Amino acid sequence: MSNEFLPVVLIVFNRPNLTQQLLYALAKVAPPVIFVIADGPRSSVPGDIDACAQTREIINSIAWDCNIYTNYANENLGCRRRVETGLDWVFSQVESAVILEDDCIPEPSFFRFCSELLVRYKADTRIMAISGDNFQLGRQRTSDSYYFSRYPHCWGWATWRRAWQYYDADMACWPSINSNEWLTDILGDRFTKQYWQHKFQQTYEGKINSWAFVWTFSCWLQSGLCILPNINLVSNIGFGRLGTNHTHWSSPFARMATYPIEFPLKHPSIVVRDAQADAFTQRHQFSRWARGRHKIRAWLQR
């Protein structure tokens, strides 16, 4: 599979400026097949109708030769349900795809990185996803091109139908998993377990509108791993007033620099997750301490 045949999925909503910047980045590789998932406007938010319409007009302005398939919601489904139904639609038609939300700007080599690894690990059920994200803040974890993680980062990622089929939209297994202390077995330490127990419970109850937490839960149910590059390939430019609940405040992961990855890729000789890198991610990205520090930084900047 080359860039020439790699389907690219765009998830958009009501941010035409960000969508335009994403298309500028995509024009550098000109993918020939594009699937577009768009949520509908919220009736309670003035300006959403116009903003959603403007975003869809920008999609119509794509200038390179490509086939565009659209799945546009007439009414607002919300972040979680819109992505769930949209990716179900995509993977009913293709075996694998690269997925980008409107605020995720890829370095051009990201597409070849995903393409080659989608082929290499196509039949390896240990691997659930390939991400373009590196959140190690400059720390080099390996001399290889990538490493394995339990965290399926989704600011620019790729996966297969065979993996997405395990997406547990209702988190039906959560009550039994929670009562049996399964998280303790996989996560080890008490504080990490408490963090994810809280997130999964809030998501299960519908208090957190996040498909990404459901995806993480689904991957962990399969003991799945995610491939992460040794350098950062995607920059999230969506932090700010119009960001989601996860990108409102200042963060060291906002607008991170991207770098081209070198080819041919240097593949790891074994498929084992990098526990040291995962511990760093948990401490600096997925912890109450990290979230509190980010909010304080945002408050000081204001």
C-alpha atoms as a PDB file:
ATOM      1  CA  MET A   1       0.000   0.000   0.000  1.00  0.00           C
ATOM      2  CA  SER A   2       1.436   3.386  -0.976  1.00  0.00           C
ATOM      3  CA  ASN A   3       0.237   6.921  -0.353  1.00  0.00           C
ATOM      4  CA  GLU A   4      -1.422   6.661  -3.760  1.00  0.00           C
ATOM      5  CA  PHE A   5      -3.999   4.171  -2.463  1.00  0.00           C
ATOM      6  CA  LEU A   6      -4.258   5.111   1.211  1.00  0.00           C
ATOM      7  CA  PRO A   7      -7.757   6.283   2.185  1.00  0.00           C
ATOM      8  CA  VAL A   8      -7.725   9.378   4.387  1.00  0.00           C
ATOM      9  CA  VAL A   9     -10.586  10.154   6.764  1.00  0.00           C
ATOM     10  CA  LEU A  10     -11.269  13.766   7.790  1.00  0.00           C
ATOM     11  CA  ILE A  11     -13.394  14.478  10.862  1.00  0.00           C
ATOM     12  CA  VAL A  12     -14.742  18.036  10.759  1.00  0.00           C
ATOM     13  CA  PHE A  13     -17.441  20.118  12.429  1.00  0.00           C
ATOM     14  CA  ASN A  14     -17.660  23.903  12.781  1.00  0.00           C
ATOM     15  CA  ARG A  15     -14.103  25.221  12.441  1.00  0.00           C
ATOM     16  CA  PRO A  16     -13.590  26.284   8.822  1.00  0.00           C
ATOM     17  CA  ASN A  17     -10.247  27.975   9.511  1.00  0.00           C
ATOM     18  CA  LEU A  18      -8.755  24.817  10.985  1.00  0.00           C
ATOM     19  CA  THR A  19     -10.229  22.685   8.223  1.00  0.00           C
ATOM     20  CA  GLN A  20      -8.594  24.960   5.660  1.00  0.00           C
ATOM     21  CA  GLN A  21      -5.199  24.573   7.332  1.00  0.00           C
ATOM     22  CA  LEU A  22      -5.619  20.803   7.327  1.00  0.00           C
ATOM     23  CA  LEU A  23      -6.375  20.855   3.599  1.00  0.00           C
ATOM     24  CA  TYR A  24      -3.240  22.926   2.965  1.00  0.00           C
ATOM     25  CA  ALA A  25      -1.248  20.141   4.621  1.00  0.00           C
ATOM     26  CA  LEU A  26      -3.100  17.415   2.721  1.00  0.00           C
ATOM     27  CA  ALA A  27      -2.454  19.137  -0.611  1.00  0.00           C
ATOM     28  CA  LYS A  28       1.250  18.287  -0.207  1.00  0.00           C
ATOM     29  CA  VAL A  29       0.471  14.582  -0.599  1.00  0.00           C
ATOM     30  CA  ALA A  30      -2.854  14.855  -2.502  1.00  0.00           C
ATOM     31  CA  PRO A  31      -4.533  11.653  -1.299  1.00  0.00           C
ATOM     32  CA  PRO A  32      -6.814  10.315  -4.043  1.00  0.00           C
ATOM     33  CA  VAL A  33      -9.489   8.914  -1.700  1.00  0.00           C
ATOM     34  CA  ILE A  34     -10.999  11.020   1.078  1.00  0.00           C
ATOM     35  CA  PHE A  35     -13.816  10.192   3.451  1.00  0.00           C
ATOM     36  CA  VAL A  36     -15.317  13.168   5.302  1.00  0.00           C
ATOM     37  CA  ILE A  37     -17.264  12.792   8.549  1.00  0.00           C
ATOM     38  CA  ALA A  38     -19.075  15.942   9.710  1.00  0.00           C
ATOM     39  CA  ASP A  39     -21.351  16.557  12.656  1.00  0.00           C
ATOM     40  CA  GLY A  40     -24.438  18.724  12.346  1.00  0.00           C
ATOM     41  CA  PRO A  41     -24.937  22.145  13.995  1.00  0.00           C
ATOM     42  CA  ARG A  42     -26.084  22.468  17.592  1.00  0.00           C
ATOM     43  CA  SER A  43     -29.467  24.171  17.831  1.00  0.00           C
ATOM     44  CA  SER A  44     -28.436  25.840  21.082  1.00  0.00           C
ATOM     45  CA  VAL A  45     -25.307  27.504  19.669  1.00  0.00           C
ATOM     46  CA  PRO A  46     -25.753  30.653  17.551  1.00  0.00           C
ATOM     47  CA  GLY A  47     -23.555  30.596  14.481  1.00  0.00           C
ATOM     48  CA  ASP A  48     -23.187  26.824  14.303  1.00  0.00           C
ATOM     49  CA  ILE A  49     -25.328  26.538  11.172  1.00  0.00           C
ATOM     50  CA  ASP A  50     -23.148  29.009   9.273  1.00  0.00           C
ATOM     51  CA  ALA A  51     -19.888  27.613  10.653  1.00  0.00           C
ATOM     52  CA  CYS A  52     -20.814  24.040   9.706  1.00  0.00           C
ATOM     53  CA  ALA A  53     -21.891  25.171   6.227  1.00  0.00           C
ATOM     54  CA  GLN A  54     -18.629  27.095   5.717  1.00  0.00           C
ATOM     55  CA  THR A  55     -16.625  24.048   6.787  1.00  0.00           C
ATOM     56  CA  ARG A  56     -18.416  21.843   4.271  1.00  0.00           C
ATOM     57  CA  GLU A  57     -17.870  24.433   1.524  1.00  0.00           C
ATOM     58  CA  ILE A  58     -14.134  24.256   2.224  1.00  0.00           C
ATOM     59  CA  ILE A  59     -14.278  20.500   1.671  1.00  0.00           C
ATOM     60  CA  ASN A  60     -15.945  21.220  -1.688  1.00  0.00           C
ATOM     61  CA  SER A  61     -12.988  23.440  -2.615  1.00  0.00           C
ATOM     62  CA  ILE A  62     -10.435  20.601  -2.685  1.00  0.00           C
ATOM     63  CA  ALA A  63      -8.509  21.207  -5.879  1.00  0.00           C
ATOM     64  CA  TRP A  64      -6.492  18.052  -6.506  1.00  0.00           C
ATOM     65  CA  ASP A  65      -7.916  15.076  -8.364  1.00  0.00           C
ATOM     66  CA  CYS A  66      -9.549  12.808  -5.802  1.00  0.00           C
ATOM     67  CA  ASN A  67     -12.691  10.909  -4.921  1.00  0.00           C
ATOM     68  CA  ILE A  68     -14.516  12.433  -1.952  1.00  0.00           C
ATOM     69  CA  TYR A  69     -17.120  10.512   0.022  1.00  0.00           C
ATOM     70  CA  THR A  70     -19.124  12.423   2.621  1.00  0.00           C
ATOM     71  CA  ASN A  71     -21.120  11.429   5.661  1.00  0.00           C
ATOM     72  CA  TYR A  72     -22.764  14.625   6.926  1.00  0.00           C
ATOM     73  CA  ALA A  73     -25.117  14.621   9.906  1.00  0.00           C
ATOM     74  CA  ASN A  74     -28.138  16.901   9.612  1.00  0.00           C
ATOM     75  CA  GLU A  75     -28.440  17.247  13.375  1.00  0.00           C
ATOM     76  CA  ASN A  76     -25.789  17.332  16.062  1.00  0.00           C
ATOM     77  CA  LEU A  77     -24.827  13.869  17.275  1.00  0.00           C
ATOM     78  CA  GLY A  78     -22.054  14.986  19.606  1.00  0.00           C
ATOM     79  CA  CYS A  79     -18.359  14.188  19.476  1.00  0.00           C
ATOM     80  CA  ARG A  80     -18.604  10.602  20.673  1.00  0.00           C
ATOM     81  CA  ARG A  81     -21.551   9.383  18.629  1.00  0.00           C
ATOM     82  CA  ARG A  82     -20.540  11.235  15.466  1.00  0.00           C
ATOM     83  CA  VAL A  83     -17.070   9.702  15.375  1.00  0.00           C
ATOM     84  CA  GLU A  84     -18.398   6.238  16.258  1.00  0.00           C
ATOM     85  CA  THR A  85     -20.996   6.193  13.499  1.00  0.00           C
ATOM     86  CA  GLY A  86     -18.662   7.886  11.041  1.00  0.00           C
ATOM     87  CA  LEU A  87     -15.847   5.372  11.454  1.00  0.00           C
ATOM     88  CA  ASP A  88     -18.345   2.506  11.315  1.00  0.00           C
ATOM     89  CA  TRP A  89     -19.357   3.922   7.919  1.00  0.00           C
ATOM     90  CA  VAL A  90     -15.728   4.198   6.762  1.00  0.00           C
ATOM     91  CA  PHE A  91     -14.746   0.679   7.776  1.00  0.00           C
ATOM     92  CA  SER A  92     -17.820  -0.788   6.167  1.00  0.00           C
ATOM     93  CA  GLN A  93     -16.131   0.226   2.903  1.00  0.00           C
ATOM     94  CA  VAL A  94     -12.347  -0.010   3.395  1.00  0.00           C
ATOM     95  CA  GLU A  95      -9.969  -2.341   5.219  1.00  0.00           C
ATOM     96  CA  SER A  96      -7.721   0.386   6.623  1.00  0.00           C
ATOM     97  CA  ALA A  97      -7.435   4.153   6.725  1.00  0.00           C
ATOM     98  CA  VAL A  98      -5.603   7.163   8.110  1.00  0.00           C
ATOM     99  CA  ILE A  99      -7.755   9.376  10.351  1.00  0.00           C
ATOM    100  CA  LEU A 100      -7.313  13.103  10.972  1.00  0.00           C
ATOM    101  CA  GLU A 101      -9.496  15.508  12.924  1.00  0.00           C
ATOM    102  CA  ASP A 102      -9.686  19.094  11.687  1.00  0.00           C
ATOM    103  CA  ASP A 103      -7.061  20.406  14.131  1.00  0.00           C
ATOM    104  CA  CYS A 104      -4.439  17.713  13.517  1.00  0.00           C
ATOM    105  CA  ILE A 105      -1.819  18.889  11.011  1.00  0.00           C
ATOM    106  CA  PRO A 106       0.410  16.078   9.687  1.00  0.00           C
ATOM    107  CA  GLU A 107       3.981  16.213   8.512  1.00  0.00           C
ATOM    108  CA  PRO A 108       3.972  14.767   4.950  1.00  0.00           C
ATOM    109  CA  SER A 109       6.034  11.700   5.904  1.00  0.00           C
ATOM    110  CA  PHE A 110       3.257  10.713   8.342  1.00  0.00           C
ATOM    111  CA  PHE A 111       1.304   9.204   5.454  1.00  0.00           C
ATOM    112  CA  ARG A 112       4.103   6.938   4.248  1.00  0.00           C
ATOM    113  CA  PHE A 113       4.821   5.976   7.864  1.00  0.00           C
ATOM    114  CA  CYS A 114       1.218   4.860   8.330  1.00  0.00           C
ATOM    115  CA  SER A 115       1.013   3.242   4.917  1.00  0.00           C
ATOM    116  CA  GLU A 116       4.054   1.014   5.385  1.00  0.00           C
ATOM    117  CA  LEU A 117       3.068  -0.040   8.887  1.00  0.00           C
ATOM    118  CA  LEU A 118      -0.537  -0.736   7.946  1.00  0.00           C
ATOM    119  CA  VAL A 119       0.869  -3.306   5.525  1.00  0.00           C
ATOM    120  CA  ARG A 120       3.535  -4.689   7.867  1.00  0.00           C
ATOM    121  CA  TYR A 121       1.150  -5.273  10.778  1.00  0.00           C
ATOM    122  CA  LYS A 122      -2.013  -5.967   8.804  1.00  0.00           C
ATOM    123  CA  ALA A 123      -2.397  -9.479  10.222  1.00  0.00           C
ATOM    124  CA  ASP A 124      -0.756  -8.864  13.610  1.00  0.00           C
ATOM    125  CA  THR A 125      -3.696  -8.705  15.993  1.00  0.00           C
ATOM    126  CA  ARG A 126      -1.473  -7.448  18.795  1.00  0.00           C
ATOM    127  CA  ILE A 127      -1.399  -4.057  17.052  1.00  0.00           C
ATOM    128  CA  MET A 128      -4.622  -2.034  17.243  1.00  0.00           C
ATOM    129  CA  ALA A 129      -3.484   1.327  15.878  1.00  0.00           C
ATOM    130  CA  ILE A 130      -0.662   3.417  14.424  1.00  0.00           C
ATOM    131  CA  SER A 131      -0.288   6.997  15.625  1.00  0.00           C
ATOM    132  CA  GLY A 132       1.701   9.980  14.401  1.00  0.00           C
ATOM    133  CA  ASP A 133       2.062  11.341  17.932  1.00  0.00           C
ATOM    134  CA  ASN A 134       5.133  11.420  20.095  1.00  0.00           C
ATOM    135  CA  PHE A 135       4.505  13.013  23.495  1.00  0.00           C
ATOM    136  CA  GLN A 136       7.886  12.282  25.063  1.00  0.00           C
ATOM    137  CA  LEU A 137       8.856  15.975  24.939  1.00  0.00           C
ATOM    138  CA  GLY A 138      12.159  15.413  23.166  1.00  0.00           C
ATOM    139  CA  ARG A 139      13.195  12.206  24.917  1.00  0.00           C
ATOM    140  CA  GLN A 140      14.480   9.519  22.554  1.00  0.00           C
ATOM    141  CA  ARG A 141      13.194   6.160  23.760  1.00  0.00           C
ATOM    142  CA  THR A 142      14.696   3.937  21.078  1.00  0.00           C
ATOM    143  CA  SER A 143      17.109   3.863  18.159  1.00  0.00           C
ATOM    144  CA  ASP A 144      14.320   2.353  16.054  1.00  0.00           C
ATOM    145  CA  SER A 145      11.807   4.422  14.050  1.00  0.00           C
ATOM    146  CA  TYR A 146       8.981   3.629  16.442  1.00  0.00           C
ATOM    147  CA  TYR A 147       8.024   1.819  19.620  1.00  0.00           C
ATOM    148  CA  PHE A 148       4.969   0.137  21.114  1.00  0.00           C
ATOM    149  CA  SER A 149       2.644   1.656  23.694  1.00  0.00           C
ATOM    150  CA  ARG A 150      -0.592   0.814  25.459  1.00  0.00           C
ATOM    151  CA  TYR A 151      -1.875   4.324  24.686  1.00  0.00           C
ATOM    152  CA  PRO A 152      -3.671   4.655  21.317  1.00  0.00           C
ATOM    153  CA  HIS A 153      -3.007   8.364  20.764  1.00  0.00           C
ATOM    154  CA  CYS A 154      -5.421   9.755  18.183  1.00  0.00           C
ATOM    155  CA  TRP A 155      -4.157  13.156  17.028  1.00  0.00           C
ATOM    156  CA  GLY A 156      -3.517  11.682  13.603  1.00  0.00           C
ATOM    157  CA  TRP A 157      -3.678   7.895  13.511  1.00  0.00           C
ATOM    158  CA  ALA A 158      -4.476   4.865  11.417  1.00  0.00           C
ATOM    159  CA  THR A 159      -6.118   1.528  11.980  1.00  0.00           C
ATOM    160  CA  TRP A 160      -7.732  -1.462  10.335  1.00  0.00           C
ATOM    161  CA  ARG A 161     -11.285  -2.746  10.113  1.00  0.00           C
ATOM    162  CA  ARG A 162     -10.081  -5.813  12.026  1.00  0.00           C
ATOM    163  CA  ALA A 163      -9.224  -3.564  14.999  1.00  0.00           C
ATOM    164  CA  TRP A 164     -12.144  -1.144  14.805  1.00  0.00           C
ATOM    165  CA  GLN A 165     -14.589  -4.049  14.980  1.00  0.00           C
ATOM    166  CA  TYR A 166     -13.717  -4.318  18.673  1.00  0.00           C
ATOM    167  CA  TYR A 167     -14.861  -0.765  19.412  1.00  0.00           C
ATOM    168  CA  ASP A 168     -17.238  -1.288  22.351  1.00  0.00           C
ATOM    169  CA  ALA A 169     -19.573   1.679  21.813  1.00  0.00           C
ATOM    170  CA  ASP A 170     -21.691   0.972  24.902  1.00  0.00           C
ATOM    171  CA  MET A 171     -18.743  -0.091  27.077  1.00  0.00           C
ATOM    172  CA  ALA A 172     -20.906  -3.094  27.906  1.00  0.00           C
ATOM    173  CA  CYS A 173     -18.043  -4.881  29.648  1.00  0.00           C
ATOM    174  CA  TRP A 174     -17.160  -1.997  31.927  1.00  0.00           C
ATOM    175  CA  PRO A 175     -19.276  -2.902  34.999  1.00  0.00           C
ATOM    176  CA  SER A 176     -17.790  -6.402  35.234  1.00  0.00           C
ATOM    177  CA  ILE A 177     -14.278  -5.172  34.423  1.00  0.00           C
ATOM    178  CA  ASN A 178     -14.570  -2.519  37.113  1.00  0.00           C
ATOM    179  CA  SER A 179     -15.939  -4.825  39.786  1.00  0.00           C
ATOM    180  CA  ASN A 180     -13.248  -7.445  39.131  1.00  0.00           C
ATOM    181  CA  GLU A 181     -10.348  -4.988  39.573  1.00  0.00           C
ATOM    182  CA  TRP A 182      -9.088  -5.739  36.066  1.00  0.00           C
ATOM    183  CA  LEU A 183      -7.563  -2.280  35.718  1.00  0.00           C
ATOM    184  CA  THR A 184      -5.268  -3.014  38.628  1.00  0.00           C
ATOM    185  CA  ASP A 185      -3.940  -6.060  36.790  1.00  0.00           C
ATOM    186  CA  ILE A 186      -3.082  -4.165  33.595  1.00  0.00           C
ATOM    187  CA  LEU A 187      -2.038  -0.790  34.994  1.00  0.00           C
ATOM    188  CA  GLY A 188      -0.205  -1.833  38.114  1.00  0.00           C
ATOM    189  CA  ASP A 189       0.001   1.172  40.366  1.00  0.00           C
ATOM    190  CA  ARG A 190      -2.907   2.508  42.368  1.00  0.00           C
ATOM    191  CA  PHE A 191      -2.851   6.109  41.123  1.00  0.00           C
ATOM    192  CA  THR A 192      -2.868   5.149  37.442  1.00  0.00           C
ATOM    193  CA  LYS A 193      -5.709   2.728  38.074  1.00  0.00           C
ATOM    194  CA  GLN A 194      -7.715   5.395  39.925  1.00  0.00           C
ATOM    195  CA  TYR A 195      -7.275   7.893  37.078  1.00  0.00           C
ATOM    196  CA  TRP A 196      -8.532   5.517  34.386  1.00  0.00           C
ATOM    197  CA  GLN A 197     -11.260   4.069  36.585  1.00  0.00           C
ATOM    198  CA  HIS A 198     -12.644   7.574  37.004  1.00  0.00           C
ATOM    199  CA  LYS A 199     -12.388   8.391  33.278  1.00  0.00           C
ATOM    200  CA  PHE A 200     -14.019   5.150  32.169  1.00  0.00           C
ATOM    201  CA  GLN A 201     -16.805   5.427  34.722  1.00  0.00           C
ATOM    202  CA  GLN A 202     -17.568   9.016  33.689  1.00  0.00           C
ATOM    203  CA  THR A 203     -17.544   8.003  30.029  1.00  0.00           C
ATOM    204  CA  TYR A 204     -19.750   4.981  30.704  1.00  0.00           C
ATOM    205  CA  GLU A 205     -22.287   7.226  32.473  1.00  0.00           C
ATOM    206  CA  GLY A 206     -22.238   9.718  29.587  1.00  0.00           C
ATOM    207  CA  LYS A 207     -20.716  12.493  31.692  1.00  0.00           C
ATOM    208  CA  ILE A 208     -17.664  12.603  29.411  1.00  0.00           C
ATOM    209  CA  ASN A 209     -18.520  12.822  25.711  1.00  0.00           C
ATOM    210  CA  SER A 210     -15.398  11.083  24.430  1.00  0.00           C
ATOM    211  CA  TRP A 211     -15.043   8.380  21.808  1.00  0.00           C
ATOM    212  CA  ALA A 212     -11.292   8.347  22.499  1.00  0.00           C
ATOM    213  CA  PHE A 213     -11.710   6.970  26.033  1.00  0.00           C
ATOM    214  CA  VAL A 214     -14.046   4.305  24.649  1.00  0.00           C
ATOM    215  CA  TRP A 215     -11.415   3.428  22.037  1.00  0.00           C
ATOM    216  CA  THR A 216      -8.711   3.162  24.704  1.00  0.00           C
ATOM    217  CA  PHE A 217     -10.965   0.881  26.738  1.00  0.00           C
ATOM    218  CA  SER A 218     -11.707  -1.235  23.659  1.00  0.00           C
ATOM    219  CA  CYS A 219      -8.007  -1.585  22.842  1.00  0.00           C
ATOM    220  CA  TRP A 220      -7.174  -2.626  26.382  1.00  0.00           C
ATOM    221  CA  LEU A 221      -9.896  -5.276  26.337  1.00  0.00           C
ATOM    222  CA  GLN A 222      -7.896  -6.881  23.495  1.00  0.00           C
ATOM    223  CA  SER A 223      -4.506  -6.337  25.218  1.00  0.00           C
ATOM    224  CA  GLY A 224      -3.779  -4.205  22.177  1.00  0.00           C
ATOM    225  CA  LEU A 225      -0.728  -2.078  21.437  1.00  0.00           C
ATOM    226  CA  CYS A 226      -0.327   1.146  19.503  1.00  0.00           C
ATOM    227  CA  ILE A 227       2.687   2.041  17.351  1.00  0.00           C
ATOM    228  CA  LEU A 228       4.158   5.464  18.182  1.00  0.00           C
ATOM    229  CA  PRO A 229       6.917   7.179  16.169  1.00  0.00           C
ATOM    230  CA  ASN A 230      10.198   8.073  17.801  1.00  0.00           C
ATOM    231  CA  ILE A 231       9.684  11.683  16.638  1.00  0.00           C
ATOM    232  CA  ASN A 232       6.502  13.725  16.428  1.00  0.00           C
ATOM    233  CA  LEU A 233       4.660  13.641  13.075  1.00  0.00           C
ATOM    234  CA  VAL A 234       1.419  15.501  13.873  1.00  0.00           C
ATOM    235  CA  SER A 235       0.733  18.868  15.496  1.00  0.00           C
ATOM    236  CA  ASN A 236      -2.558  19.682  17.237  1.00  0.00           C
ATOM    237  CA  ILE A 237      -3.424  23.328  16.540  1.00  0.00           C
ATOM    238  CA  GLY A 238      -6.900  23.207  18.049  1.00  0.00           C
ATOM    239  CA  PHE A 239      -6.170  24.293  21.613  1.00  0.00           C
ATOM    240  CA  GLY A 240      -8.167  27.333  22.651  1.00  0.00           C
ATOM    241  CA  ARG A 241     -11.680  28.685  23.052  1.00  0.00           C
ATOM    242  CA  LEU A 242     -13.214  26.496  20.330  1.00  0.00           C
ATOM    243  CA  GLY A 243     -11.377  23.361  21.379  1.00  0.00           C
ATOM    244  CA  THR A 244     -12.999  20.291  22.912  1.00  0.00           C
ATOM    245  CA  ASN A 245     -13.057  19.709  26.638  1.00  0.00           C
ATOM    246  CA  HIS A 246      -9.620  18.142  26.281  1.00  0.00           C
ATOM    247  CA  THR A 247      -8.009  21.080  24.471  1.00  0.00           C
ATOM    248  CA  HIS A 248      -9.315  24.194  26.229  1.00  0.00           C
ATOM    249  CA  TRP A 249      -6.292  24.881  28.386  1.00  0.00           C
ATOM    250  CA  SER A 250      -2.633  25.515  27.691  1.00  0.00           C
ATOM    251  CA  SER A 251      -0.610  22.335  27.297  1.00  0.00           C
ATOM    252  CA  PRO A 252       2.977  21.352  26.485  1.00  0.00           C
ATOM    253  CA  PHE A 253       1.413  19.168  23.789  1.00  0.00           C
ATOM    254  CA  ALA A 254      -0.251  22.069  21.948  1.00  0.00           C
ATOM    255  CA  ARG A 255       1.179  22.996  18.545  1.00  0.00           C
ATOM    256  CA  MET A 256       4.131  20.682  18.951  1.00  0.00           C
ATOM    257  CA  ALA A 257       6.791  20.844  16.257  1.00  0.00           C
ATOM    258  CA  THR A 258       6.803  18.057  13.675  1.00  0.00           C
ATOM    259  CA  TYR A 259       9.755  16.453  11.915  1.00  0.00           C
ATOM    260  CA  PRO A 260      10.082  14.205   8.859  1.00  0.00           C
ATOM    261  CA  ILE A 261      10.763  10.593   9.694  1.00  0.00           C
ATOM    262  CA  GLU A 262      13.586   8.847   7.857  1.00  0.00           C
ATOM    263  CA  PHE A 263      13.078   5.980   5.427  1.00  0.00           C
ATOM    264  CA  PRO A 264      13.607   3.127   5.210  1.00  0.00           C
ATOM    265  CA  LEU A 265      12.046   2.641   8.596  1.00  0.00           C
ATOM    266  CA  LYS A 266      14.063   0.856  11.261  1.00  0.00           C
ATOM    267  CA  HIS A 267      11.737  -1.717  12.753  1.00  0.00           C
ATOM    268  CA  PRO A 268      11.962  -3.013  16.343  1.00  0.00           C
ATOM    269  CA  SER A 269      13.131  -6.602  16.590  1.00  0.00           C
ATOM    270  CA  ILE A 270      10.525  -7.475  19.245  1.00  0.00           C
ATOM    271  CA  VAL A 271       6.935  -6.425  19.911  1.00  0.00           C
ATOM    272  CA  VAL A 272       7.025  -5.294  23.549  1.00  0.00           C
ATOM    273  CA  ARG A 273       5.571  -2.073  24.896  1.00  0.00           C
ATOM    274  CA  ASP A 274       7.950   0.587  26.183  1.00  0.00           C
ATOM    275  CA  ALA A 275       7.012   0.735  29.867  1.00  0.00           C
ATOM    276  CA  GLN A 276       9.296   3.701  30.549  1.00  0.00           C
ATOM    277  CA  ALA A 277       7.710   5.792  27.784  1.00  0.00           C
ATOM    278  CA  ASP A 278       4.224   4.806  28.949  1.00  0.00           C
ATOM    279  CA  ALA A 279       5.017   5.802  32.523  1.00  0.00           C
ATOM    280  CA  PHE A 280       6.149   9.217  31.276  1.00  0.00           C
ATOM    281  CA  THR A 281       2.942   9.616  29.270  1.00  0.00           C
ATOM    282  CA  GLN A 282       0.788   8.640  32.227  1.00  0.00           C
ATOM    283  CA  ARG A 283       2.598  11.054  34.521  1.00  0.00           C
ATOM    284  CA  HIS A 284       2.660  14.048  32.155  1.00  0.00           C
ATOM    285  CA  GLN A 285      -0.539  13.600  30.174  1.00  0.00           C
ATOM    286  CA  PHE A 286      -2.923  11.244  31.929  1.00  0.00           C
ATOM    287  CA  SER A 287      -2.905  12.238  35.572  1.00  0.00           C
ATOM    288  CA  ARG A 288      -4.777  14.649  37.803  1.00  0.00           C
ATOM    289  CA  TRP A 289      -1.489  16.357  38.578  1.00  0.00           C
ATOM    290  CA  ALA A 290      -0.787  16.969  34.884  1.00  0.00           C
ATOM    291  CA  ARG A 291      -4.296  18.299  34.190  1.00  0.00           C
ATOM    292  CA  GLY A 292      -4.109  20.621  37.177  1.00  0.00           C
ATOM    293  CA  ARG A 293      -0.743  21.983  36.089  1.00  0.00           C
ATOM    294  CA  HIS A 294      -2.030  22.652  32.558  1.00  0.00           C
ATOM    295  CA  LYS A 295      -5.048  24.531  33.911  1.00  0.00           C
ATOM    296  CA  ILE A 296      -2.853  26.659  36.185  1.00  0.00           C
ATOM    297  CA  ARG A 297      -0.613  27.514  33.206  1.00  0.00           C
ATOM    298  CA  ALA A 298      -3.665  28.590  31.195  1.00  0.00           C
ATOM    299  CA  TRP A 299      -4.947  30.720  34.081  1.00  0.00           C
ATOM    300  CA  LEU A 300      -1.567  32.463  34.438  1.00  0.00           C
ATOM    301  CA  GLN A 301      -1.431  33.159  30.699  1.00  0.00           C
ATOM    302  CA  ARG A 302      -4.889  34.743  30.796  1.00  0.00           C
END
